[in-house]
N, C-alpha and C. Protein backbone atom coordinates (compact mmCIF):
# COMPACT_ATOMS: atom_id res chain seq x y z
N MET A 1 -6.40 -4.99 -1.60
CA MET A 1 -5.18 -4.67 -0.89
C MET A 1 -4.25 -5.89 -0.88
N ALA A 2 -4.81 -7.08 -0.77
CA ALA A 2 -3.97 -8.28 -0.72
C ALA A 2 -3.16 -8.42 -2.00
N VAL A 3 -3.79 -8.20 -3.13
CA VAL A 3 -3.08 -8.32 -4.40
C VAL A 3 -1.96 -7.30 -4.48
N LEU A 4 -2.25 -6.07 -4.09
CA LEU A 4 -1.23 -5.03 -4.12
C LEU A 4 -0.09 -5.37 -3.19
N LEU A 5 -0.41 -5.84 -1.99
CA LEU A 5 0.64 -6.17 -1.03
C LEU A 5 1.53 -7.28 -1.56
N LEU A 6 0.94 -8.31 -2.13
CA LEU A 6 1.74 -9.41 -2.64
C LEU A 6 2.52 -9.00 -3.88
N SER A 7 1.96 -8.12 -4.70
CA SER A 7 2.69 -7.62 -5.86
C SER A 7 3.86 -6.75 -5.44
N VAL A 8 3.62 -5.89 -4.48
CA VAL A 8 4.68 -5.02 -3.98
C VAL A 8 5.80 -5.85 -3.37
N SER A 9 5.44 -6.99 -2.80
CA SER A 9 6.45 -7.82 -2.15
C SER A 9 7.54 -8.26 -3.12
N LEU A 10 7.20 -8.40 -4.36
CA LEU A 10 8.19 -8.83 -5.34
C LEU A 10 9.25 -7.76 -5.58
N LEU A 11 8.94 -6.53 -5.23
CA LEU A 11 9.90 -5.45 -5.39
C LEU A 11 10.91 -5.40 -4.25
N PHE A 12 10.59 -6.10 -3.16
CA PHE A 12 11.41 -6.04 -1.96
C PHE A 12 11.91 -7.43 -1.61
N ALA A 13 13.00 -7.86 -2.22
CA ALA A 13 13.55 -9.19 -1.94
C ALA A 13 14.02 -9.28 -0.50
N SER A 14 14.46 -8.19 0.06
CA SER A 14 14.83 -8.14 1.47
C SER A 14 14.65 -6.70 1.94
N GLY A 15 14.81 -6.48 3.20
CA GLY A 15 14.63 -5.13 3.73
C GLY A 15 13.28 -4.99 4.37
N SER A 16 12.56 -3.93 3.99
CA SER A 16 11.27 -3.67 4.60
C SER A 16 10.30 -3.10 3.58
N VAL A 17 9.02 -3.20 3.91
CA VAL A 17 7.96 -2.62 3.10
C VAL A 17 6.97 -1.97 4.07
N GLU A 18 6.65 -0.71 3.82
CA GLU A 18 5.70 0.00 4.67
C GLU A 18 4.32 -0.06 4.04
N ILE A 19 3.35 -0.52 4.82
CA ILE A 19 1.97 -0.63 4.37
C ILE A 19 1.14 0.37 5.16
N PHE A 20 0.56 1.34 4.47
CA PHE A 20 -0.21 2.41 5.09
C PHE A 20 -1.69 2.15 4.87
N SER A 21 -2.46 2.11 5.94
CA SER A 21 -3.90 1.89 5.80
C SER A 21 -4.64 2.46 7.00
N TRP A 22 -5.96 2.34 6.95
CA TRP A 22 -6.80 2.72 8.09
C TRP A 22 -7.54 1.51 8.62
N TRP A 23 -7.06 0.32 8.31
CA TRP A 23 -7.69 -0.91 8.80
C TRP A 23 -7.23 -1.17 10.24
N THR A 24 -7.95 -0.62 11.19
CA THR A 24 -7.56 -0.74 12.59
C THR A 24 -8.63 -1.34 13.48
N GLY A 25 -9.84 -1.48 13.00
CA GLY A 25 -10.92 -1.94 13.86
C GLY A 25 -11.43 -3.32 13.49
N GLY A 26 -11.82 -4.06 14.51
CA GLY A 26 -12.50 -5.33 14.36
C GLY A 26 -11.97 -6.22 13.25
N GLY A 27 -12.87 -6.58 12.34
CA GLY A 27 -12.52 -7.49 11.25
C GLY A 27 -11.48 -6.93 10.30
N GLU A 28 -11.42 -5.61 10.18
CA GLU A 28 -10.40 -5.01 9.30
C GLU A 28 -9.00 -5.34 9.79
N GLU A 29 -8.78 -5.14 11.07
CA GLU A 29 -7.47 -5.41 11.65
C GLU A 29 -7.11 -6.89 11.51
N GLU A 30 -8.10 -7.75 11.73
CA GLU A 30 -7.87 -9.19 11.57
C GLU A 30 -7.55 -9.53 10.11
N GLY A 31 -8.25 -8.91 9.18
CA GLY A 31 -7.99 -9.14 7.77
C GLY A 31 -6.59 -8.71 7.36
N LEU A 32 -6.17 -7.55 7.85
CA LEU A 32 -4.83 -7.06 7.55
C LEU A 32 -3.78 -7.99 8.14
N ALA A 33 -4.02 -8.46 9.36
CA ALA A 33 -3.08 -9.40 9.99
C ALA A 33 -2.97 -10.69 9.17
N ALA A 34 -4.08 -11.15 8.61
CA ALA A 34 -4.06 -12.37 7.79
C ALA A 34 -3.26 -12.15 6.51
N ILE A 35 -3.41 -10.98 5.90
CA ILE A 35 -2.63 -10.65 4.70
C ILE A 35 -1.14 -10.63 5.04
N TYR A 36 -0.81 -10.04 6.18
CA TYR A 36 0.59 -9.98 6.61
C TYR A 36 1.16 -11.38 6.82
N GLU A 37 0.37 -12.28 7.36
CA GLU A 37 0.85 -13.65 7.59
C GLU A 37 1.16 -14.35 6.26
N VAL A 38 0.31 -14.17 5.27
CA VAL A 38 0.58 -14.74 3.94
C VAL A 38 1.87 -14.16 3.39
N PHE A 39 2.02 -12.85 3.50
CA PHE A 39 3.23 -12.18 3.03
C PHE A 39 4.46 -12.74 3.73
N ARG A 40 4.41 -12.81 5.06
CA ARG A 40 5.56 -13.29 5.84
C ARG A 40 5.93 -14.73 5.50
N SER A 41 4.93 -15.55 5.18
CA SER A 41 5.23 -16.95 4.83
C SER A 41 5.99 -17.03 3.51
N LYS A 42 5.76 -16.09 2.62
CA LYS A 42 6.44 -16.09 1.32
C LYS A 42 7.73 -15.28 1.33
N TYR A 43 7.80 -14.25 2.17
CA TYR A 43 8.95 -13.34 2.20
C TYR A 43 9.39 -13.10 3.64
N PRO A 44 9.95 -14.13 4.28
CA PRO A 44 10.30 -14.01 5.70
C PRO A 44 11.40 -12.99 5.99
N ASP A 45 12.19 -12.63 5.00
CA ASP A 45 13.28 -11.68 5.22
C ASP A 45 12.86 -10.22 5.05
N VAL A 46 11.60 -10.00 4.72
CA VAL A 46 11.11 -8.63 4.53
C VAL A 46 10.30 -8.22 5.76
N GLU A 47 10.73 -7.15 6.38
CA GLU A 47 10.01 -6.62 7.54
C GLU A 47 8.81 -5.80 7.06
N ILE A 48 7.65 -6.05 7.64
CA ILE A 48 6.46 -5.26 7.34
C ILE A 48 6.37 -4.13 8.35
N ILE A 49 6.31 -2.92 7.86
CA ILE A 49 6.09 -1.76 8.72
C ILE A 49 4.60 -1.42 8.61
N ASN A 50 3.87 -1.71 9.68
CA ASN A 50 2.43 -1.50 9.70
C ASN A 50 2.14 -0.05 10.07
N ALA A 51 1.88 0.77 9.08
CA ALA A 51 1.69 2.21 9.29
C ALA A 51 0.20 2.56 9.26
N THR A 52 -0.58 1.93 10.13
CA THR A 52 -2.00 2.23 10.16
C THR A 52 -2.26 3.52 10.93
N VAL A 53 -3.30 4.21 10.51
CA VAL A 53 -3.74 5.44 11.18
C VAL A 53 -5.21 5.26 11.52
N ALA A 54 -5.53 5.27 12.80
CA ALA A 54 -6.90 5.03 13.25
C ALA A 54 -7.72 6.31 13.27
N GLY A 55 -9.04 6.10 13.25
CA GLY A 55 -9.97 7.19 13.48
C GLY A 55 -10.55 7.82 12.24
N GLY A 56 -11.80 8.24 12.38
CA GLY A 56 -12.45 9.00 11.32
C GLY A 56 -12.85 8.19 10.10
N ALA A 57 -12.97 6.86 10.23
CA ALA A 57 -13.34 6.00 9.11
C ALA A 57 -12.46 6.26 7.88
N GLY A 58 -11.18 6.44 8.12
CA GLY A 58 -10.22 6.68 7.04
C GLY A 58 -9.88 8.14 6.83
N THR A 59 -10.67 9.04 7.37
CA THR A 59 -10.43 10.47 7.18
C THR A 59 -9.07 10.89 7.73
N ASN A 60 -8.75 10.43 8.93
CA ASN A 60 -7.45 10.78 9.53
C ASN A 60 -6.30 10.23 8.69
N ALA A 61 -6.43 8.98 8.25
CA ALA A 61 -5.37 8.36 7.45
C ALA A 61 -5.18 9.09 6.13
N LYS A 62 -6.28 9.47 5.49
CA LYS A 62 -6.19 10.17 4.21
C LYS A 62 -5.46 11.50 4.37
N ALA A 63 -5.69 12.19 5.48
CA ALA A 63 -5.00 13.47 5.72
C ALA A 63 -3.51 13.24 5.92
N VAL A 64 -3.16 12.21 6.70
CA VAL A 64 -1.74 11.90 6.93
C VAL A 64 -1.08 11.48 5.62
N LEU A 65 -1.76 10.64 4.85
CA LEU A 65 -1.21 10.18 3.57
C LEU A 65 -0.97 11.35 2.62
N LYS A 66 -1.93 12.24 2.52
CA LYS A 66 -1.78 13.38 1.62
C LYS A 66 -0.59 14.24 2.03
N THR A 67 -0.43 14.46 3.33
CA THR A 67 0.71 15.23 3.83
C THR A 67 2.02 14.55 3.48
N ARG A 68 2.07 13.25 3.65
CA ARG A 68 3.29 12.51 3.33
C ARG A 68 3.58 12.56 1.84
N MET A 69 2.56 12.38 1.02
CA MET A 69 2.76 12.40 -0.43
C MET A 69 3.24 13.77 -0.89
N LEU A 70 2.62 14.82 -0.40
CA LEU A 70 3.02 16.17 -0.78
C LEU A 70 4.41 16.51 -0.27
N GLY A 71 4.80 15.90 0.85
CA GLY A 71 6.12 16.14 1.43
C GLY A 71 7.21 15.28 0.84
N GLY A 72 6.86 14.44 -0.14
CA GLY A 72 7.86 13.58 -0.77
C GLY A 72 8.27 12.39 0.07
N ASN A 73 7.40 11.96 0.99
CA ASN A 73 7.68 10.83 1.87
C ASN A 73 6.56 9.79 1.78
N PRO A 74 6.32 9.24 0.58
CA PRO A 74 5.21 8.30 0.44
C PRO A 74 5.55 6.94 1.06
N PRO A 75 4.54 6.21 1.54
CA PRO A 75 4.78 4.84 1.97
C PRO A 75 4.99 3.96 0.75
N ASP A 76 5.49 2.75 0.97
CA ASP A 76 5.70 1.82 -0.14
C ASP A 76 4.38 1.39 -0.77
N SER A 77 3.37 1.22 0.06
CA SER A 77 2.05 0.80 -0.40
C SER A 77 1.02 1.49 0.49
N PHE A 78 -0.13 1.84 -0.09
CA PHE A 78 -1.14 2.50 0.73
C PHE A 78 -2.54 2.15 0.27
N GLN A 79 -3.47 2.29 1.20
CA GLN A 79 -4.88 2.04 0.95
C GLN A 79 -5.51 3.31 0.42
N VAL A 80 -6.30 3.17 -0.62
CA VAL A 80 -7.05 4.30 -1.17
C VAL A 80 -8.25 3.72 -1.92
N HIS A 81 -9.34 4.46 -1.94
CA HIS A 81 -10.48 4.02 -2.73
C HIS A 81 -10.17 4.24 -4.21
N GLY A 82 -10.56 3.28 -5.02
CA GLY A 82 -10.37 3.41 -6.46
C GLY A 82 -11.29 4.49 -7.03
N GLY A 83 -11.18 4.76 -8.28
CA GLY A 83 -12.03 5.76 -8.92
C GLY A 83 -11.49 7.16 -8.76
N MET A 84 -12.38 8.11 -8.60
CA MET A 84 -11.99 9.51 -8.61
C MET A 84 -11.11 9.90 -7.41
N GLU A 85 -11.30 9.25 -6.27
CA GLU A 85 -10.43 9.56 -5.13
C GLU A 85 -8.97 9.29 -5.49
N LEU A 86 -8.72 8.15 -6.07
CA LEU A 86 -7.36 7.80 -6.49
C LEU A 86 -6.90 8.68 -7.65
N ILE A 87 -7.73 8.79 -8.67
CA ILE A 87 -7.34 9.51 -9.88
C ILE A 87 -7.13 11.00 -9.62
N ASP A 88 -8.12 11.65 -9.01
CA ASP A 88 -8.02 13.10 -8.77
C ASP A 88 -6.91 13.46 -7.80
N THR A 89 -6.79 12.69 -6.73
CA THR A 89 -5.84 13.05 -5.67
C THR A 89 -4.41 12.67 -6.00
N TYR A 90 -4.20 11.51 -6.61
CA TYR A 90 -2.84 11.01 -6.76
C TYR A 90 -2.35 10.82 -8.20
N VAL A 91 -3.24 10.43 -9.11
CA VAL A 91 -2.79 10.16 -10.49
C VAL A 91 -2.64 11.45 -11.28
N ILE A 92 -3.69 12.25 -11.36
CA ILE A 92 -3.66 13.48 -12.15
C ILE A 92 -2.59 14.44 -11.63
N THR A 93 -2.38 14.44 -10.33
CA THR A 93 -1.40 15.35 -9.73
C THR A 93 0.04 14.86 -9.88
N GLY A 94 0.21 13.68 -10.47
CA GLY A 94 1.56 13.17 -10.73
C GLY A 94 2.24 12.51 -9.55
N MET A 95 1.48 12.11 -8.55
CA MET A 95 2.08 11.48 -7.37
C MET A 95 2.25 9.97 -7.52
N MET A 96 1.70 9.40 -8.56
CA MET A 96 1.81 7.96 -8.79
C MET A 96 2.74 7.70 -9.97
N GLU A 97 3.44 6.59 -9.90
CA GLU A 97 4.31 6.20 -11.00
C GLU A 97 3.75 4.96 -11.68
N PRO A 98 3.83 4.91 -13.00
CA PRO A 98 3.33 3.73 -13.71
C PRO A 98 4.14 2.48 -13.34
N LEU A 99 3.45 1.36 -13.30
CA LEU A 99 4.10 0.07 -13.02
C LEU A 99 4.19 -0.78 -14.28
N THR A 100 3.90 -0.19 -15.43
CA THR A 100 3.85 -0.95 -16.68
C THR A 100 5.14 -1.72 -16.94
N ASP A 101 6.29 -1.10 -16.76
CA ASP A 101 7.57 -1.78 -17.00
C ASP A 101 7.73 -3.01 -16.11
N ILE A 102 7.33 -2.88 -14.86
CA ILE A 102 7.44 -4.00 -13.92
C ILE A 102 6.49 -5.12 -14.34
N LEU A 103 5.24 -4.76 -14.66
CA LEU A 103 4.27 -5.77 -15.07
C LEU A 103 4.70 -6.47 -16.35
N GLU A 104 5.26 -5.73 -17.28
CA GLU A 104 5.76 -6.34 -18.52
C GLU A 104 6.90 -7.30 -18.22
N SER A 105 7.80 -6.93 -17.31
CA SER A 105 8.93 -7.81 -16.99
C SER A 105 8.45 -9.10 -16.32
N TRP A 106 7.31 -9.04 -15.64
CA TRP A 106 6.73 -10.24 -15.02
C TRP A 106 5.91 -11.05 -16.02
N GLY A 107 5.70 -10.51 -17.23
CA GLY A 107 4.91 -11.20 -18.23
C GLY A 107 3.42 -11.05 -18.03
N ILE A 108 3.01 -10.07 -17.23
CA ILE A 108 1.59 -9.86 -16.96
C ILE A 108 0.95 -9.01 -18.04
N VAL A 109 1.71 -8.07 -18.58
CA VAL A 109 1.23 -7.18 -19.64
C VAL A 109 2.08 -7.45 -20.87
N ASP A 110 1.42 -7.59 -22.02
CA ASP A 110 2.23 -7.79 -23.24
C ASP A 110 2.07 -6.65 -24.20
């Protein structure tokens, strides 16, 4: 999540970025706060919208995220398990957009 958050930050020179996750308990919340502090130190003009959804070990958040995605109101960045959860739910259904052009412009992909 940290890599994604810092990568997404480059897309938002100013304004805000919404981060959707289910990291609300104990060490998770502390970890998310630490990621936000790193982000804020590098991008102080970007407001972080912490869109966490508690409960159900991520089940509640996944339901809210799916509703938002289907409704055309996706967050800027969101937590999801890699593999089939990501691919079946969001990639195959066309809810994700490729970042290849952005990565190429940064010189990460040739």
